[in-house]
């Protein structure tokens, strides 16, 4: 798995979870406070860490840039 995807299993799963969370945010289909549960994370801190690592910003900043129309991600 490491050779094929370039990451371990946990990182791969988290990348899919973050991608799903991003789609929820893009579609305004979930409250931010419930986002970590909806995207499969056990804790809010694990979600924020994974989101920031993958996207480079926090979920709230992502929403703010999306609202401003300045998405450069």
N, C-alpha and C. Protein backbone atom coordinates (compact mmCIF):
# COMPACT_ATOMS: atom_id res chain seq x y z
N UNK A 1 0.83 -1.18 0.00
CA UNK A 1 0.00 0.00 0.00
C UNK A 1 0.88 1.25 0.00
N UNK A 2 1.92 1.24 0.79
CA UNK A 2 2.81 2.40 0.85
C UNK A 2 3.41 2.72 -0.51
N UNK A 3 3.82 1.71 -1.24
CA UNK A 3 4.43 1.92 -2.55
C UNK A 3 3.40 2.39 -3.58
N UNK A 4 2.22 1.83 -3.55
CA UNK A 4 1.21 2.15 -4.55
C UNK A 4 0.61 3.54 -4.34
N UNK A 5 0.20 3.86 -3.10
CA UNK A 5 -0.46 5.12 -2.81
C UNK A 5 0.49 6.19 -2.27
N UNK A 6 1.66 5.77 -1.81
CA UNK A 6 2.62 6.73 -1.26
C UNK A 6 2.28 7.18 0.15
N UNK A 7 1.44 6.40 0.84
CA UNK A 7 1.09 6.71 2.23
C UNK A 7 0.62 5.42 2.90
N UNK A 8 0.48 5.49 4.22
CA UNK A 8 0.00 4.31 4.93
C UNK A 8 -1.54 4.26 4.91
N UNK A 9 -2.10 3.20 5.44
CA UNK A 9 -3.55 2.99 5.39
C UNK A 9 -4.31 4.11 6.09
N UNK A 10 -3.87 4.50 7.26
CA UNK A 10 -4.54 5.56 8.02
C UNK A 10 -4.54 6.87 7.25
N UNK A 11 -3.43 7.22 6.63
CA UNK A 11 -3.35 8.45 5.85
C UNK A 11 -4.27 8.39 4.63
N UNK A 12 -4.35 7.23 4.01
CA UNK A 12 -5.22 7.06 2.85
C UNK A 12 -6.69 7.25 3.25
N UNK A 13 -7.10 6.59 4.31
CA UNK A 13 -8.48 6.70 4.78
C UNK A 13 -8.80 8.15 5.17
N UNK A 14 -7.88 8.79 5.87
CA UNK A 14 -8.10 10.18 6.28
C UNK A 14 -8.20 11.11 5.07
N UNK A 15 -7.45 10.83 4.02
CA UNK A 15 -7.55 11.68 2.83
C UNK A 15 -8.93 11.56 2.20
N UNK A 16 -9.50 10.36 2.19
CA UNK A 16 -10.86 10.19 1.68
C UNK A 16 -11.88 10.86 2.59
N UNK A 17 -11.67 10.79 3.89
CA UNK A 17 -12.57 11.44 4.84
C UNK A 17 -12.55 12.95 4.68
N UNK A 18 -11.35 13.51 4.51
CA UNK A 18 -11.22 14.95 4.32
C UNK A 18 -11.87 15.37 2.99
N UNK A 19 -11.68 14.58 1.97
CA UNK A 19 -12.30 14.87 0.67
C UNK A 19 -13.82 14.89 0.81
N UNK A 20 -14.36 13.94 1.56
CA UNK A 20 -15.80 13.89 1.79
C UNK A 20 -16.25 15.10 2.62
N UNK A 21 -15.50 15.44 3.65
CA UNK A 21 -15.82 16.61 4.48
C UNK A 21 -15.83 17.88 3.64
N UNK A 22 -14.87 17.99 2.75
CA UNK A 22 -14.79 19.16 1.85
C UNK A 22 -16.04 19.21 0.96
N UNK A 23 -16.49 18.07 0.48
CA UNK A 23 -17.69 18.06 -0.36
C UNK A 23 -18.92 18.45 0.45
N UNK A 24 -18.97 18.06 1.73
CA UNK A 24 -20.07 18.48 2.59
C UNK A 24 -20.04 19.99 2.80
N UNK A 25 -18.85 20.54 3.00
CA UNK A 25 -18.73 21.99 3.17
C UNK A 25 -19.09 22.73 1.88
N UNK A 26 -18.67 22.20 0.76
CA UNK A 26 -18.96 22.85 -0.52
C UNK A 26 -20.46 22.86 -0.82
N UNK A 27 -21.14 21.83 -0.38
CA UNK A 27 -22.58 21.74 -0.64
C UNK A 27 -23.44 22.27 0.48
N UNK A 28 -22.81 22.83 1.52
CA UNK A 28 -23.56 23.34 2.68
C UNK A 28 -24.53 22.30 3.24
N UNK A 29 -24.08 21.04 3.28
CA UNK A 29 -24.94 19.95 3.72
C UNK A 29 -24.71 19.52 5.15
N UNK A 30 -23.84 20.24 5.88
CA UNK A 30 -23.52 19.81 7.23
C UNK A 30 -23.05 21.00 8.05
N UNK A 31 -23.42 21.03 9.32
CA UNK A 31 -22.91 22.05 10.22
C UNK A 31 -21.46 21.74 10.55
N UNK A 32 -20.65 22.77 10.72
CA UNK A 32 -19.23 22.57 11.00
C UNK A 32 -19.03 21.78 12.28
N UNK A 33 -19.87 22.02 13.27
CA UNK A 33 -19.71 21.32 14.55
C UNK A 33 -19.96 19.82 14.43
N UNK A 34 -20.71 19.39 13.43
CA UNK A 34 -21.00 17.97 13.22
C UNK A 34 -20.15 17.34 12.12
N UNK A 35 -19.33 18.14 11.49
CA UNK A 35 -18.59 17.70 10.32
C UNK A 35 -17.65 16.53 10.62
N UNK A 36 -16.98 16.55 11.76
CA UNK A 36 -16.03 15.48 12.07
C UNK A 36 -16.74 14.13 12.18
N UNK A 37 -17.94 14.11 12.75
CA UNK A 37 -18.69 12.86 12.86
C UNK A 37 -19.20 12.40 11.50
N UNK A 38 -19.74 13.33 10.74
CA UNK A 38 -20.30 12.99 9.43
C UNK A 38 -19.25 12.45 8.48
N UNK A 39 -18.00 12.88 8.65
CA UNK A 39 -16.95 12.43 7.73
C UNK A 39 -16.15 11.26 8.29
N UNK A 40 -16.57 10.71 9.43
CA UNK A 40 -15.99 9.47 9.91
C UNK A 40 -14.87 9.58 10.92
N UNK A 41 -14.60 10.78 11.43
CA UNK A 41 -13.56 10.95 12.43
C UNK A 41 -14.14 10.74 13.82
N UNK A 42 -13.31 10.23 14.72
CA UNK A 42 -13.75 9.95 16.09
C UNK A 42 -13.73 11.21 16.93
N UNK A 43 -12.79 12.10 16.67
CA UNK A 43 -12.69 13.32 17.47
C UNK A 43 -12.53 14.54 16.57
N UNK A 44 -12.93 15.66 17.13
CA UNK A 44 -12.81 16.93 16.42
C UNK A 44 -11.35 17.29 16.17
N UNK A 45 -10.49 17.02 17.16
CA UNK A 45 -9.07 17.37 17.01
C UNK A 45 -8.41 16.54 15.91
N UNK A 46 -8.75 15.26 15.81
CA UNK A 46 -8.19 14.43 14.74
C UNK A 46 -8.66 14.93 13.38
N UNK A 47 -9.91 15.35 13.30
CA UNK A 47 -10.44 15.88 12.06
C UNK A 47 -9.73 17.17 11.66
N UNK A 48 -9.61 18.10 12.60
CA UNK A 48 -8.96 19.38 12.29
C UNK A 48 -7.50 19.16 11.86
N UNK A 49 -6.81 18.25 12.53
CA UNK A 49 -5.42 17.97 12.17
C UNK A 49 -5.33 17.40 10.76
N UNK A 50 -6.17 16.42 10.45
CA UNK A 50 -6.15 15.80 9.12
C UNK A 50 -6.56 16.80 8.04
N UNK A 51 -7.57 17.60 8.31
CA UNK A 51 -8.04 18.58 7.33
C UNK A 51 -6.94 19.60 7.05
N UNK A 52 -6.32 20.10 8.11
CA UNK A 52 -5.26 21.10 7.94
C UNK A 52 -4.06 20.52 7.21
N UNK A 53 -3.72 19.28 7.51
CA UNK A 53 -2.58 18.64 6.85
C UNK A 53 -2.83 18.47 5.36
N UNK A 54 -4.05 18.10 5.00
CA UNK A 54 -4.38 17.85 3.59
C UNK A 54 -4.68 19.14 2.82
N UNK A 55 -5.41 20.06 3.44
CA UNK A 55 -5.86 21.26 2.73
C UNK A 55 -4.97 22.48 2.96
N UNK A 56 -4.20 22.47 4.05
CA UNK A 56 -3.33 23.61 4.34
C UNK A 56 -4.00 24.71 5.12
N UNK A 57 -5.29 24.56 5.38
CA UNK A 57 -6.04 25.51 6.20
C UNK A 57 -7.06 24.75 7.04
N UNK A 58 -7.61 25.42 8.05
CA UNK A 58 -8.63 24.79 8.89
C UNK A 58 -9.97 24.78 8.16
N UNK A 59 -10.90 23.94 8.61
CA UNK A 59 -12.23 23.92 7.98
C UNK A 59 -12.93 25.28 8.03
N UNK A 60 -12.78 26.00 9.12
CA UNK A 60 -13.42 27.31 9.22
C UNK A 60 -12.82 28.31 8.25
N UNK A 61 -11.50 28.28 8.08
CA UNK A 61 -10.87 29.15 7.09
C UNK A 61 -11.30 28.75 5.68
N UNK A 62 -11.44 27.46 5.46
CA UNK A 62 -11.91 26.98 4.16
C UNK A 62 -13.29 27.56 3.86
N UNK A 63 -14.17 27.51 4.84
CA UNK A 63 -15.51 28.07 4.67
C UNK A 63 -15.45 29.56 4.41
N UNK A 64 -14.59 30.27 5.14
CA UNK A 64 -14.47 31.71 4.98
C UNK A 64 -13.98 32.06 3.58
N UNK A 65 -13.00 31.33 3.07
CA UNK A 65 -12.50 31.63 1.73
C UNK A 65 -13.52 31.25 0.67
N UNK A 66 -14.28 30.20 0.94
CA UNK A 66 -15.34 29.80 0.03
C UNK A 66 -16.43 30.89 -0.03
N UNK A 67 -16.77 31.44 1.13
CA UNK A 67 -17.79 32.48 1.20
C UNK A 67 -17.34 33.76 0.52
N UNK A 68 -16.03 34.04 0.60
CA UNK A 68 -15.49 35.24 -0.02
C UNK A 68 -15.33 35.10 -1.52
N UNK A 69 -15.47 33.88 -2.02
CA UNK A 69 -15.29 33.65 -3.44
C UNK A 69 -13.83 33.61 -3.85
N UNK A 70 -12.93 33.55 -2.87
CA UNK A 70 -11.50 33.57 -3.16
C UNK A 70 -10.85 32.22 -3.03
N UNK A 71 -11.49 31.19 -3.52
CA UNK A 71 -10.92 29.86 -3.41
C UNK A 71 -9.74 29.69 -4.36
N UNK A 72 -8.58 29.53 -3.79
CA UNK A 72 -7.38 29.27 -4.60
C UNK A 72 -6.79 27.92 -4.26
N UNK A 73 -7.60 27.01 -3.77
CA UNK A 73 -7.10 25.69 -3.36
C UNK A 73 -7.19 24.71 -4.48
